[in-house]
Amino acid sequence: MSRIVYVNGAFEPEEDAKVSIFDRGFLFGDAVYEVTAVLDGRLVDFAGHVERLERSLGEIDLPLPMPHVGLREMHETLIAENKVVEGIVYLHISRGPAERDFAYPPSPSPTIVAFTQSRPLVDQPQAKTGVAVITIPDIRWKRRDIKSTSMLAQVMGKQEAKRRGAYEAWMVEDGVVTEGTSSSAFILDANGVLRTQPLGPHILPGVTRRAILRLAREDGIRLEERPFSVDEAHKAREAFMTAASAFVLPIVSIDGSAVGNGEPGPIARAFRAHYIAEARDASASA
């Protein structure tokens, strides 16, 4: 059975879906996106993703082209049509088709595309073994807080990680780690303080990141939104990454050097278990 996707108001088989070659998302990367996890057939932290979507659209002067209730109904229809139990829903909104010109068209007609991917989230093998990361220079533009589809630098970084046998790449700017190519970066430093970059135009405001910061405060864990260097990461007691499609993944090596004892740390494992349990409770009561 063909996967059902959403394109501009229509649910249709993926092989029938079409977008104009003049779409500005295709020509300029003039588009933003969101990825929402699906757990037990239900959306995880959907309100947080819609909030970030609206913020990204506002930063590029593009109004949200459909109401919140319509967005949720569309996501839930895709989940039902494709029988997704665990996985993600990808949503892409561009400024739409127009004659090629760098300036915004005066009356845009946004393109809305969404599709699902089924994949294991809870029983990811990487959650049990932990993952390796490498560090690379951060070569991205200066508005990383916008969840833009212009992601060539991240694609190149992820490929470099794969080439070097790692799961993820942490990007480094002015000597400190900003974030992963598709994740937020955390360490439990040598003093037992949980650290991650503070929000700003230099990083994406991760939805899962925000949830983990809240859980840390609730659990009384010492927390500082403060940059950390690569050297501090190498000396950390623990490290982990967060992302909507990965939840929390322990990091067991950085640039080939073991983090802590080289095993998934107890703080990372506890955060992962707590986040999944909370997500399941929230979806069950929705």
C-alpha atoms as a PDB file:
ATOM      1  CA  MET A   1       0.000   0.000   0.000  1.00  0.00           C
ATOM      2  CA  SER A   2       1.372   3.390  -1.027  1.00  0.00           C
ATOM      3  CA  ARG A   3       2.171   5.956   1.653  1.00  0.00           C
ATOM      4  CA  ILE A   4      -0.333   8.801   1.852  1.00  0.00           C
ATOM      5  CA  VAL A   5       1.153  12.291   1.928  1.00  0.00           C
ATOM      6  CA  TYR A   6      -0.296  15.785   2.210  1.00  0.00           C
ATOM      7  CA  VAL A   7       0.245  18.484  -0.424  1.00  0.00           C
ATOM      8  CA  ASN A   8      -1.634  21.781  -0.360  1.00  0.00           C
ATOM      9  CA  GLY A   9      -4.890  20.528   1.089  1.00  0.00           C
ATOM     10  CA  ALA A  10      -4.952  17.091  -0.525  1.00  0.00           C
ATOM     11  CA  PHE A  11      -4.141  13.651   0.872  1.00  0.00           C
ATOM     12  CA  GLU A  12      -2.794  11.495  -1.934  1.00  0.00           C
ATOM     13  CA  PRO A  13      -0.438   8.597  -2.699  1.00  0.00           C
ATOM     14  CA  GLU A  14       3.180   9.695  -2.601  1.00  0.00           C
ATOM     15  CA  GLU A  15       3.747   8.812  -6.262  1.00  0.00           C
ATOM     16  CA  ASP A  16       1.015  11.287  -7.276  1.00  0.00           C
ATOM     17  CA  ALA A  17       2.289  14.175  -5.149  1.00  0.00           C
ATOM     18  CA  LYS A  18       3.712  17.134  -7.070  1.00  0.00           C
ATOM     19  CA  VAL A  19       5.235  20.516  -6.238  1.00  0.00           C
ATOM     20  CA  SER A  20       6.054  23.235  -8.783  1.00  0.00           C
ATOM     21  CA  ILE A  21       9.633  23.493 -10.044  1.00  0.00           C
ATOM     22  CA  PHE A  22       9.241  27.239  -9.392  1.00  0.00           C
ATOM     23  CA  ASP A  23       8.579  26.712  -5.704  1.00  0.00           C
ATOM     24  CA  ARG A  24      10.819  29.003  -3.650  1.00  0.00           C
ATOM     25  CA  GLY A  25      11.565  26.204  -1.238  1.00  0.00           C
ATOM     26  CA  PHE A  26      13.168  24.322  -4.129  1.00  0.00           C
ATOM     27  CA  LEU A  27      14.880  27.356  -5.695  1.00  0.00           C
ATOM     28  CA  PHE A  28      16.040  29.263  -2.597  1.00  0.00           C
ATOM     29  CA  GLY A  29      15.420  27.138   0.471  1.00  0.00           C
ATOM     30  CA  ASP A  30      12.800  29.788   1.285  1.00  0.00           C
ATOM     31  CA  ALA A  31      10.973  27.442   3.632  1.00  0.00           C
ATOM     32  CA  VAL A  32      10.789  26.197   7.200  1.00  0.00           C
ATOM     33  CA  TYR A  33       9.977  22.794   8.620  1.00  0.00           C
ATOM     34  CA  GLU A  34       9.105  20.830  11.741  1.00  0.00           C
ATOM     35  CA  VAL A  35       9.486  17.187  12.740  1.00  0.00           C
ATOM     36  CA  THR A  36       7.104  15.831  15.372  1.00  0.00           C
ATOM     37  CA  ALA A  37       7.549  12.435  16.970  1.00  0.00           C
ATOM     38  CA  VAL A  38       4.754   9.868  17.015  1.00  0.00           C
ATOM     39  CA  LEU A  39       4.577   7.517  19.977  1.00  0.00           C
ATOM     40  CA  ASP A  40       1.814   4.912  20.407  1.00  0.00           C
ATOM     41  CA  GLY A  41       0.103   6.477  17.388  1.00  0.00           C
ATOM     42  CA  ARG A  42      -0.067   9.928  18.985  1.00  0.00           C
ATOM     43  CA  LEU A  43       1.832  13.188  18.511  1.00  0.00           C
ATOM     44  CA  VAL A  44       4.508  14.103  21.062  1.00  0.00           C
ATOM     45  CA  ASP A  45       4.728  17.725  22.263  1.00  0.00           C
ATOM     46  CA  PHE A  46       2.804  18.989  19.247  1.00  0.00           C
ATOM     47  CA  ALA A  47       2.026  22.367  20.835  1.00  0.00           C
ATOM     48  CA  GLY A  48       5.747  23.053  21.247  1.00  0.00           C
ATOM     49  CA  HIS A  49       6.403  22.270  17.602  1.00  0.00           C
ATOM     50  CA  VAL A  50       3.582  24.527  16.407  1.00  0.00           C
ATOM     51  CA  GLU A  51       4.896  27.328  18.625  1.00  0.00           C
ATOM     52  CA  ARG A  52       8.359  27.016  17.086  1.00  0.00           C
ATOM     53  CA  LEU A  53       6.870  26.750  13.587  1.00  0.00           C
ATOM     54  CA  GLU A  54       5.004  30.028  14.050  1.00  0.00           C
ATOM     55  CA  ARG A  55       8.155  31.683  15.336  1.00  0.00           C
ATOM     56  CA  SER A  56      10.205  30.502  12.333  1.00  0.00           C
ATOM     57  CA  LEU A  57       7.513  31.651   9.914  1.00  0.00           C
ATOM     58  CA  GLY A  58       7.314  35.020  11.642  1.00  0.00           C
ATOM     59  CA  GLU A  59      11.068  35.513  11.271  1.00  0.00           C
ATOM     60  CA  ILE A  60      10.731  35.126   7.470  1.00  0.00           C
ATOM     61  CA  ASP A  61       7.539  37.230   7.252  1.00  0.00           C
ATOM     62  CA  LEU A  62       5.266  34.355   6.285  1.00  0.00           C
ATOM     63  CA  PRO A  63       1.946  33.933   8.144  1.00  0.00           C
ATOM     64  CA  LEU A  64       0.927  30.471   9.321  1.00  0.00           C
ATOM     65  CA  PRO A  65      -1.179  29.313   6.338  1.00  0.00           C
ATOM     66  CA  MET A  66      -3.652  27.203   8.330  1.00  0.00           C
ATOM     67  CA  PRO A  67      -5.050  27.278  11.886  1.00  0.00           C
ATOM     68  CA  HIS A  68      -3.617  25.178  14.706  1.00  0.00           C
ATOM     69  CA  VAL A  69      -6.610  22.854  14.710  1.00  0.00           C
ATOM     70  CA  GLY A  70      -6.180  22.250  10.985  1.00  0.00           C
ATOM     71  CA  LEU A  71      -2.498  21.434  11.434  1.00  0.00           C
ATOM     72  CA  ARG A  72      -3.273  18.902  14.151  1.00  0.00           C
ATOM     73  CA  GLU A  73      -6.073  17.304  12.142  1.00  0.00           C
ATOM     74  CA  MET A  74      -3.779  16.999   9.126  1.00  0.00           C
ATOM     75  CA  HIS A  75      -1.040  15.364  11.211  1.00  0.00           C
ATOM     76  CA  GLU A  76      -3.490  12.963  12.842  1.00  0.00           C
ATOM     77  CA  THR A  77      -5.008  12.028   9.484  1.00  0.00           C
ATOM     78  CA  LEU A  78      -1.567  11.172   8.097  1.00  0.00           C
ATOM     79  CA  ILE A  79      -0.808   9.054  11.168  1.00  0.00           C
ATOM     80  CA  ALA A  80      -4.104   7.179  10.781  1.00  0.00           C
ATOM     81  CA  GLU A  81      -3.877   6.735   7.001  1.00  0.00           C
ATOM     82  CA  ASN A  82      -0.346   5.358   7.237  1.00  0.00           C
ATOM     83  CA  LYS A  83      -0.949   3.355  10.421  1.00  0.00           C
ATOM     84  CA  VAL A  84       2.041   4.925  12.171  1.00  0.00           C
ATOM     85  CA  VAL A  85       2.614   3.577  15.677  1.00  0.00           C
ATOM     86  CA  GLU A  86       6.121   5.003  16.166  1.00  0.00           C
ATOM     87  CA  GLY A  87       7.902   7.426  13.894  1.00  0.00           C
ATOM     88  CA  ILE A  88       7.684  11.024  12.797  1.00  0.00           C
ATOM     89  CA  VAL A  89       5.586  13.499  10.839  1.00  0.00           C
ATOM     90  CA  TYR A  90       7.594  15.908   8.696  1.00  0.00           C
ATOM     91  CA  LEU A  91       5.965  19.267   7.867  1.00  0.00           C
ATOM     92  CA  HIS A  92       7.401  21.695   5.286  1.00  0.00           C
ATOM     93  CA  ILE A  93       6.025  25.160   4.526  1.00  0.00           C
ATOM     94  CA  SER A  94       7.564  27.246   1.756  1.00  0.00           C
ATOM     95  CA  ARG A  95       6.677  30.645   0.350  1.00  0.00           C
ATOM     96  CA  GLY A  96       5.307  28.782  -2.651  1.00  0.00           C
ATOM     97  CA  PRO A  97       5.753  29.092  -6.428  1.00  0.00           C
ATOM     98  CA  ALA A  98       6.724  32.375  -8.062  1.00  0.00           C
ATOM     99  CA  GLU A  99       8.859  33.617 -10.929  1.00  0.00           C
ATOM    100  CA  ARG A 100      12.483  33.329  -9.831  1.00  0.00           C
ATOM    101  CA  ASP A 101      13.499  36.517  -8.011  1.00  0.00           C
ATOM    102  CA  PHE A 102      15.404  36.866  -4.759  1.00  0.00           C
ATOM    103  CA  ALA A 103      12.898  39.333  -3.287  1.00  0.00           C
ATOM    104  CA  TYR A 104       9.715  37.959  -1.739  1.00  0.00           C
ATOM    105  CA  PRO A 105       6.742  37.819  -4.136  1.00  0.00           C
ATOM    106  CA  PRO A 106       4.107  40.424  -3.139  1.00  0.00           C
ATOM    107  CA  SER A 107       1.291  37.865  -2.776  1.00  0.00           C
ATOM    108  CA  PRO A 108       2.758  34.482  -1.869  1.00  0.00           C
ATOM    109  CA  SER A 109       0.790  31.259  -2.115  1.00  0.00           C
ATOM    110  CA  PRO A 110       2.520  28.989   0.414  1.00  0.00           C
ATOM    111  CA  THR A 111       3.204  25.345  -0.297  1.00  0.00           C
ATOM    112  CA  ILE A 112       2.414  22.940   2.538  1.00  0.00           C
ATOM    113  CA  VAL A 113       3.826  19.420   2.383  1.00  0.00           C
ATOM    114  CA  ALA A 114       3.722  16.733   5.069  1.00  0.00           C
ATOM    115  CA  PHE A 115       4.532  13.036   5.237  1.00  0.00           C
ATOM    116  CA  THR A 116       5.174  10.300   7.777  1.00  0.00           C
ATOM    117  CA  GLN A 117       8.072   7.944   8.397  1.00  0.00           C
ATOM    118  CA  SER A 118       7.608   4.855  10.540  1.00  0.00           C
ATOM    119  CA  ARG A 119      10.665   3.987  12.637  1.00  0.00           C
ATOM    120  CA  PRO A 120      11.415   2.638  16.122  1.00  0.00           C
ATOM    121  CA  LEU A 121      11.853   5.410  18.681  1.00  0.00           C
ATOM    122  CA  VAL A 122      11.648   3.745  22.069  1.00  0.00           C
ATOM    123  CA  ASP A 123      13.711   0.649  21.268  1.00  0.00           C
ATOM    124  CA  GLN A 124      16.451   2.347  19.279  1.00  0.00           C
ATOM    125  CA  PRO A 125      19.595   0.235  19.696  1.00  0.00           C
ATOM    126  CA  GLN A 126      21.657   3.427  20.083  1.00  0.00           C
ATOM    127  CA  ALA A 127      19.816   4.185  23.333  1.00  0.00           C
ATOM    128  CA  LYS A 128      21.260   1.028  24.874  1.00  0.00           C
ATOM    129  CA  THR A 129      24.797   1.266  23.472  1.00  0.00           C
ATOM    130  CA  GLY A 130      25.229   5.029  23.319  1.00  0.00           C
ATOM    131  CA  VAL A 131      26.572   6.833  20.273  1.00  0.00           C
ATOM    132  CA  ALA A 132      29.825   8.353  19.058  1.00  0.00           C
ATOM    133  CA  VAL A 133      30.111  11.975  17.971  1.00  0.00           C
ATOM    134  CA  ILE A 134      32.834  13.936  16.233  1.00  0.00           C
ATOM    135  CA  THR A 135      33.485  17.673  16.326  1.00  0.00           C
ATOM    136  CA  ILE A 136      33.565  19.802  13.187  1.00  0.00           C
ATOM    137  CA  PRO A 137      33.721  23.534  12.421  1.00  0.00           C
ATOM    138  CA  ASP A 138      30.349  25.292  12.478  1.00  0.00           C
ATOM    139  CA  ILE A 139      30.071  26.784   8.983  1.00  0.00           C
ATOM    140  CA  ARG A 140      26.372  27.692   9.052  1.00  0.00           C
ATOM    141  CA  TRP A 141      24.653  31.037   8.591  1.00  0.00           C
ATOM    142  CA  LYS A 142      23.924  33.341  11.557  1.00  0.00           C
ATOM    143  CA  ARG A 143      20.175  32.729  12.002  1.00  0.00           C
ATOM    144  CA  ARG A 144      20.186  29.150  13.211  1.00  0.00           C
ATOM    145  CA  ASP A 145      17.187  29.846  15.455  1.00  0.00           C
ATOM    146  CA  ILE A 146      15.012  29.708  12.316  1.00  0.00           C
ATOM    147  CA  LYS A 147      14.217  26.082  11.457  1.00  0.00           C
ATOM    148  CA  SER A 148      15.056  26.638   7.807  1.00  0.00           C
ATOM    149  CA  THR A 149      15.224  23.932   5.157  1.00  0.00           C
ATOM    150  CA  SER A 150      18.553  25.430   3.987  1.00  0.00           C
ATOM    151  CA  MET A 151      20.663  22.744   5.649  1.00  0.00           C
ATOM    152  CA  LEU A 152      23.591  21.981   3.331  1.00  0.00           C
ATOM    153  CA  ALA A 153      26.143  22.601   6.095  1.00  0.00           C
ATOM    154  CA  GLN A 154      24.344  20.134   8.380  1.00  0.00           C
ATOM    155  CA  VAL A 155      24.083  17.576   5.580  1.00  0.00           C
ATOM    156  CA  MET A 156      27.818  17.847   4.980  1.00  0.00           C
ATOM    157  CA  GLY A 157      28.491  17.528   8.708  1.00  0.00           C
ATOM    158  CA  LYS A 158      26.287  14.464   9.079  1.00  0.00           C
ATOM    159  CA  GLN A 159      28.007  12.841   6.123  1.00  0.00           C
ATOM    160  CA  GLU A 160      31.411  13.560   7.673  1.00  0.00           C
ATOM    161  CA  ALA A 161      30.237  11.875  10.874  1.00  0.00           C
ATOM    162  CA  LYS A 162      29.093   8.844   8.893  1.00  0.00           C
ATOM    163  CA  ARG A 163      32.382   8.721   6.988  1.00  0.00           C
ATOM    164  CA  ARG A 164      34.277   8.694  10.296  1.00  0.00           C
ATOM    165  CA  GLY A 165      32.084   6.021  11.846  1.00  0.00           C
ATOM    166  CA  ALA A 166      30.140   8.341  14.167  1.00  0.00           C
ATOM    167  CA  TYR A 167      26.423   8.857  14.690  1.00  0.00           C
ATOM    168  CA  GLU A 168      26.423  12.657  14.975  1.00  0.00           C
ATOM    169  CA  ALA A 169      28.686  15.679  14.567  1.00  0.00           C
ATOM    170  CA  TRP A 170      28.891  18.482  17.121  1.00  0.00           C
ATOM    171  CA  MET A 171      29.590  21.829  15.501  1.00  0.00           C
ATOM    172  CA  VAL A 172      32.178  24.111  17.062  1.00  0.00           C
ATOM    173  CA  GLU A 173      32.388  27.917  16.827  1.00  0.00           C
ATOM    174  CA  ASP A 174      34.898  30.145  18.656  1.00  0.00           C
ATOM    175  CA  GLY A 175      36.119  27.125  20.585  1.00  0.00           C
ATOM    176  CA  VAL A 176      32.756  26.038  22.003  1.00  0.00           C
ATOM    177  CA  VAL A 177      30.157  23.488  20.934  1.00  0.00           C
ATOM    178  CA  THR A 178      27.018  25.064  19.505  1.00  0.00           C
ATOM    179  CA  GLU A 179      24.842  22.019  18.732  1.00  0.00           C
ATOM    180  CA  GLY A 180      24.679  18.846  16.680  1.00  0.00           C
ATOM    181  CA  THR A 181      23.819  18.748  12.991  1.00  0.00           C
ATOM    182  CA  SER A 182      20.310  17.583  13.937  1.00  0.00           C
ATOM    183  CA  SER A 183      20.305  17.684  17.729  1.00  0.00           C
ATOM    184  CA  SER A 184      20.920  19.732  20.859  1.00  0.00           C
ATOM    185  CA  ALA A 185      24.151  19.063  22.787  1.00  0.00           C
ATOM    186  CA  PHE A 186      24.434  18.479  26.554  1.00  0.00           C
ATOM    187  CA  ILE A 187      27.204  17.520  28.953  1.00  0.00           C
ATOM    188  CA  LEU A 188      27.323  16.744  32.640  1.00  0.00           C
ATOM    189  CA  ASP A 189      30.598  18.513  33.328  1.00  0.00           C
ATOM    190  CA  ALA A 190      33.428  17.496  35.652  1.00  0.00           C
ATOM    191  CA  ASN A 191      31.708  19.348  38.523  1.00  0.00           C
ATOM    192  CA  GLY A 192      28.387  17.568  38.004  1.00  0.00           C
ATOM    193  CA  VAL A 193      26.658  20.532  36.365  1.00  0.00           C
ATOM    194  CA  LEU A 194      24.358  19.895  33.406  1.00  0.00           C
ATOM    195  CA  ARG A 195      25.298  22.337  30.651  1.00  0.00           C
ATOM    196  CA  THR A 196      24.005  23.304  27.230  1.00  0.00           C
ATOM    197  CA  GLN A 197      24.180  26.385  25.036  1.00  0.00           C
ATOM    198  CA  PRO A 198      21.807  29.246  25.977  1.00  0.00           C
ATOM    199  CA  LEU A 199      19.201  30.204  23.414  1.00  0.00           C
ATOM    200  CA  GLY A 200      20.020  32.788  20.775  1.00  0.00           C
ATOM    201  CA  PRO A 201      20.400  33.132  17.002  1.00  0.00           C
ATOM    202  CA  HIS A 202      23.381  30.738  17.119  1.00  0.00           C
ATOM    203  CA  ILE A 203      21.301  27.604  17.901  1.00  0.00           C
ATOM    204  CA  LEU A 204      17.888  26.115  17.203  1.00  0.00           C
ATOM    205  CA  PRO A 205      15.479  26.273  20.175  1.00  0.00           C
ATOM    206  CA  GLY A 206      14.997  22.519  20.463  1.00  0.00           C
ATOM    207  CA  VAL A 207      11.572  21.357  21.641  1.00  0.00           C
ATOM    208  CA  THR A 208      13.019  18.240  23.284  1.00  0.00           C
ATOM    209  CA  ARG A 209      15.839  20.376  24.697  1.00  0.00           C
ATOM    210  CA  ARG A 210      13.262  22.548  26.438  1.00  0.00           C
ATOM    211  CA  ALA A 211      11.542  19.507  27.922  1.00  0.00           C
ATOM    212  CA  ILE A 212      14.840  18.151  29.283  1.00  0.00           C
ATOM    213  CA  LEU A 213      15.676  21.498  30.890  1.00  0.00           C
ATOM    214  CA  ARG A 214      12.293  21.441  32.608  1.00  0.00           C
ATOM    215  CA  LEU A 215      12.824  17.875  33.824  1.00  0.00           C
ATOM    216  CA  ALA A 216      16.284  18.811  35.139  1.00  0.00           C
ATOM    217  CA  ARG A 217      14.816  21.674  37.170  1.00  0.00           C
ATOM    218  CA  GLU A 218      12.023  19.461  38.489  1.00  0.00           C
ATOM    219  CA  ASP A 219      14.566  16.800  39.498  1.00  0.00           C
ATOM    220  CA  GLY A 220      16.833  19.316  41.234  1.00  0.00           C
ATOM    221  CA  ILE A 221      19.788  18.732  38.918  1.00  0.00           C
ATOM    222  CA  ARG A 222      22.335  21.549  38.850  1.00  0.00           C
ATOM    223  CA  LEU A 223      21.836  23.256  35.505  1.00  0.00           C
ATOM    224  CA  GLU A 224      23.541  26.051  33.602  1.00  0.00           C
ATOM    225  CA  GLU A 225      22.686  27.252  30.123  1.00  0.00           C
ATOM    226  CA  ARG A 226      26.323  28.054  29.469  1.00  0.00           C
ATOM    227  CA  PRO A 227      28.643  27.173  26.573  1.00  0.00           C
ATOM    228  CA  PHE A 228      31.192  24.391  26.948  1.00  0.00           C
ATOM    229  CA  SER A 229      34.427  23.818  25.072  1.00  0.00           C
ATOM    230  CA  VAL A 230      35.498  20.684  23.259  1.00  0.00           C
ATOM    231  CA  ASP A 231      38.050  20.082  26.004  1.00  0.00           C
ATOM    232  CA  GLU A 232      35.318  20.312  28.657  1.00  0.00           C
ATOM    233  CA  ALA A 233      33.236  17.863  26.635  1.00  0.00           C
ATOM    234  CA  HIS A 234      36.148  15.414  26.519  1.00  0.00           C
ATOM    235  CA  LYS A 235      36.463  15.661  30.322  1.00  0.00           C
ATOM    236  CA  ALA A 236      32.726  15.455  31.032  1.00  0.00           C
ATOM    237  CA  ARG A 237      31.171  12.818  33.257  1.00  0.00           C
ATOM    238  CA  GLU A 238      28.392  12.304  30.705  1.00  0.00           C
ATOM    239  CA  ALA A 239      27.217  13.661  27.387  1.00  0.00           C
ATOM    240  CA  PHE A 240      23.993  13.250  25.479  1.00  0.00           C
ATOM    241  CA  MET A 241      21.994  14.645  22.594  1.00  0.00           C
ATOM    242  CA  THR A 242      18.299  15.447  22.270  1.00  0.00           C
ATOM    243  CA  ALA A 243      16.057  15.593  19.204  1.00  0.00           C
ATOM    244  CA  ALA A 244      12.396  15.013  18.409  1.00  0.00           C
ATOM    245  CA  SER A 245      13.193  11.852  16.448  1.00  0.00           C
ATOM    246  CA  ALA A 246      15.735  10.515  18.974  1.00  0.00           C
ATOM    247  CA  PHE A 247      14.373  11.743  22.334  1.00  0.00           C
ATOM    248  CA  VAL A 248      17.559  11.458  24.450  1.00  0.00           C
ATOM    249  CA  LEU A 249      20.600   9.499  23.251  1.00  0.00           C
ATOM    250  CA  PRO A 250      23.659   8.962  25.478  1.00  0.00           C
ATOM    251  CA  ILE A 251      27.026   9.863  23.956  1.00  0.00           C
ATOM    252  CA  VAL A 252      29.853   7.490  24.849  1.00  0.00           C
ATOM    253  CA  SER A 253      32.723   8.930  22.815  1.00  0.00           C
ATOM    254  CA  ILE A 254      33.747  12.288  21.356  1.00  0.00           C
ATOM    255  CA  ASP A 255      36.406  12.401  18.635  1.00  0.00           C
ATOM    256  CA  GLY A 256      37.335   8.829  19.518  1.00  0.00           C
ATOM    257  CA  SER A 257      37.860   9.537  23.237  1.00  0.00           C
ATOM    258  CA  ALA A 258      35.574   7.849  25.766  1.00  0.00           C
ATOM    259  CA  VAL A 259      33.149  10.002  27.738  1.00  0.00           C
ATOM    260  CA  GLY A 260      33.244   8.996  31.398  1.00  0.00           C
ATOM    261  CA  ASN A 261      33.601   5.224  31.526  1.00  0.00           C
ATOM    262  CA  GLY A 262      32.561   4.848  27.890  1.00  0.00           C
ATOM    263  CA  GLU A 263      29.074   3.623  28.787  1.00  0.00           C
ATOM    264  CA  PRO A 264      25.684   5.380  28.672  1.00  0.00           C
ATOM    265  CA  GLY A 265      25.504   7.539  31.779  1.00  0.00           C
ATOM    266  CA  PRO A 266      22.820   7.311  34.470  1.00  0.00           C
ATOM    267  CA  ILE A 267      21.639  10.905  34.006  1.00  0.00           C
ATOM    268  CA  ALA A 268      21.113  10.450  30.264  1.00  0.00           C
ATOM    269  CA  ARG A 269      19.343   7.120  30.783  1.00  0.00           C
ATOM    270  CA  ALA A 270      17.110   8.620  33.472  1.00  0.00           C
ATOM    271  CA  PHE A 271      16.185  11.594  31.274  1.00  0.00           C
ATOM    272  CA  ARG A 272      15.315   9.273  28.393  1.00  0.00           C
ATOM    273  CA  ALA A 273      13.104   7.069  30.546  1.00  0.00           C
ATOM    274  CA  HIS A 274      11.414  10.067  32.186  1.00  0.00           C
ATOM    275  CA  TYR A 275      10.789  11.815  28.855  1.00  0.00           C
ATOM    276  CA  ILE A 276       9.277   8.713  27.223  1.00  0.00           C
ATOM    277  CA  ALA A 277       7.064   7.990  30.230  1.00  0.00           C
ATOM    278  CA  GLU A 278       5.840  11.586  30.311  1.00  0.00           C
ATOM    279  CA  ALA A 279       5.204  11.600  26.546  1.00  0.00           C
ATOM    280  CA  ARG A 280       3.170   8.401  26.825  1.00  0.00           C
ATOM    281  CA  ASP A 281       1.153   9.733  29.741  1.00  0.00           C
ATOM    282  CA  ALA A 282       0.435  12.980  27.893  1.00  0.00           C
ATOM    283  CA  SER A 283      -0.621  11.230  24.687  1.00  0.00           C
ATOM    284  CA  ALA A 284      -2.822   8.750  26.554  1.00  0.00           C
ATOM    285  CA  SER A 285      -4.721  11.582  28.253  1.00  0.00           C
ATOM    286  CA  ALA A 286      -5.027  13.745  25.124  1.00  0.00           C
END
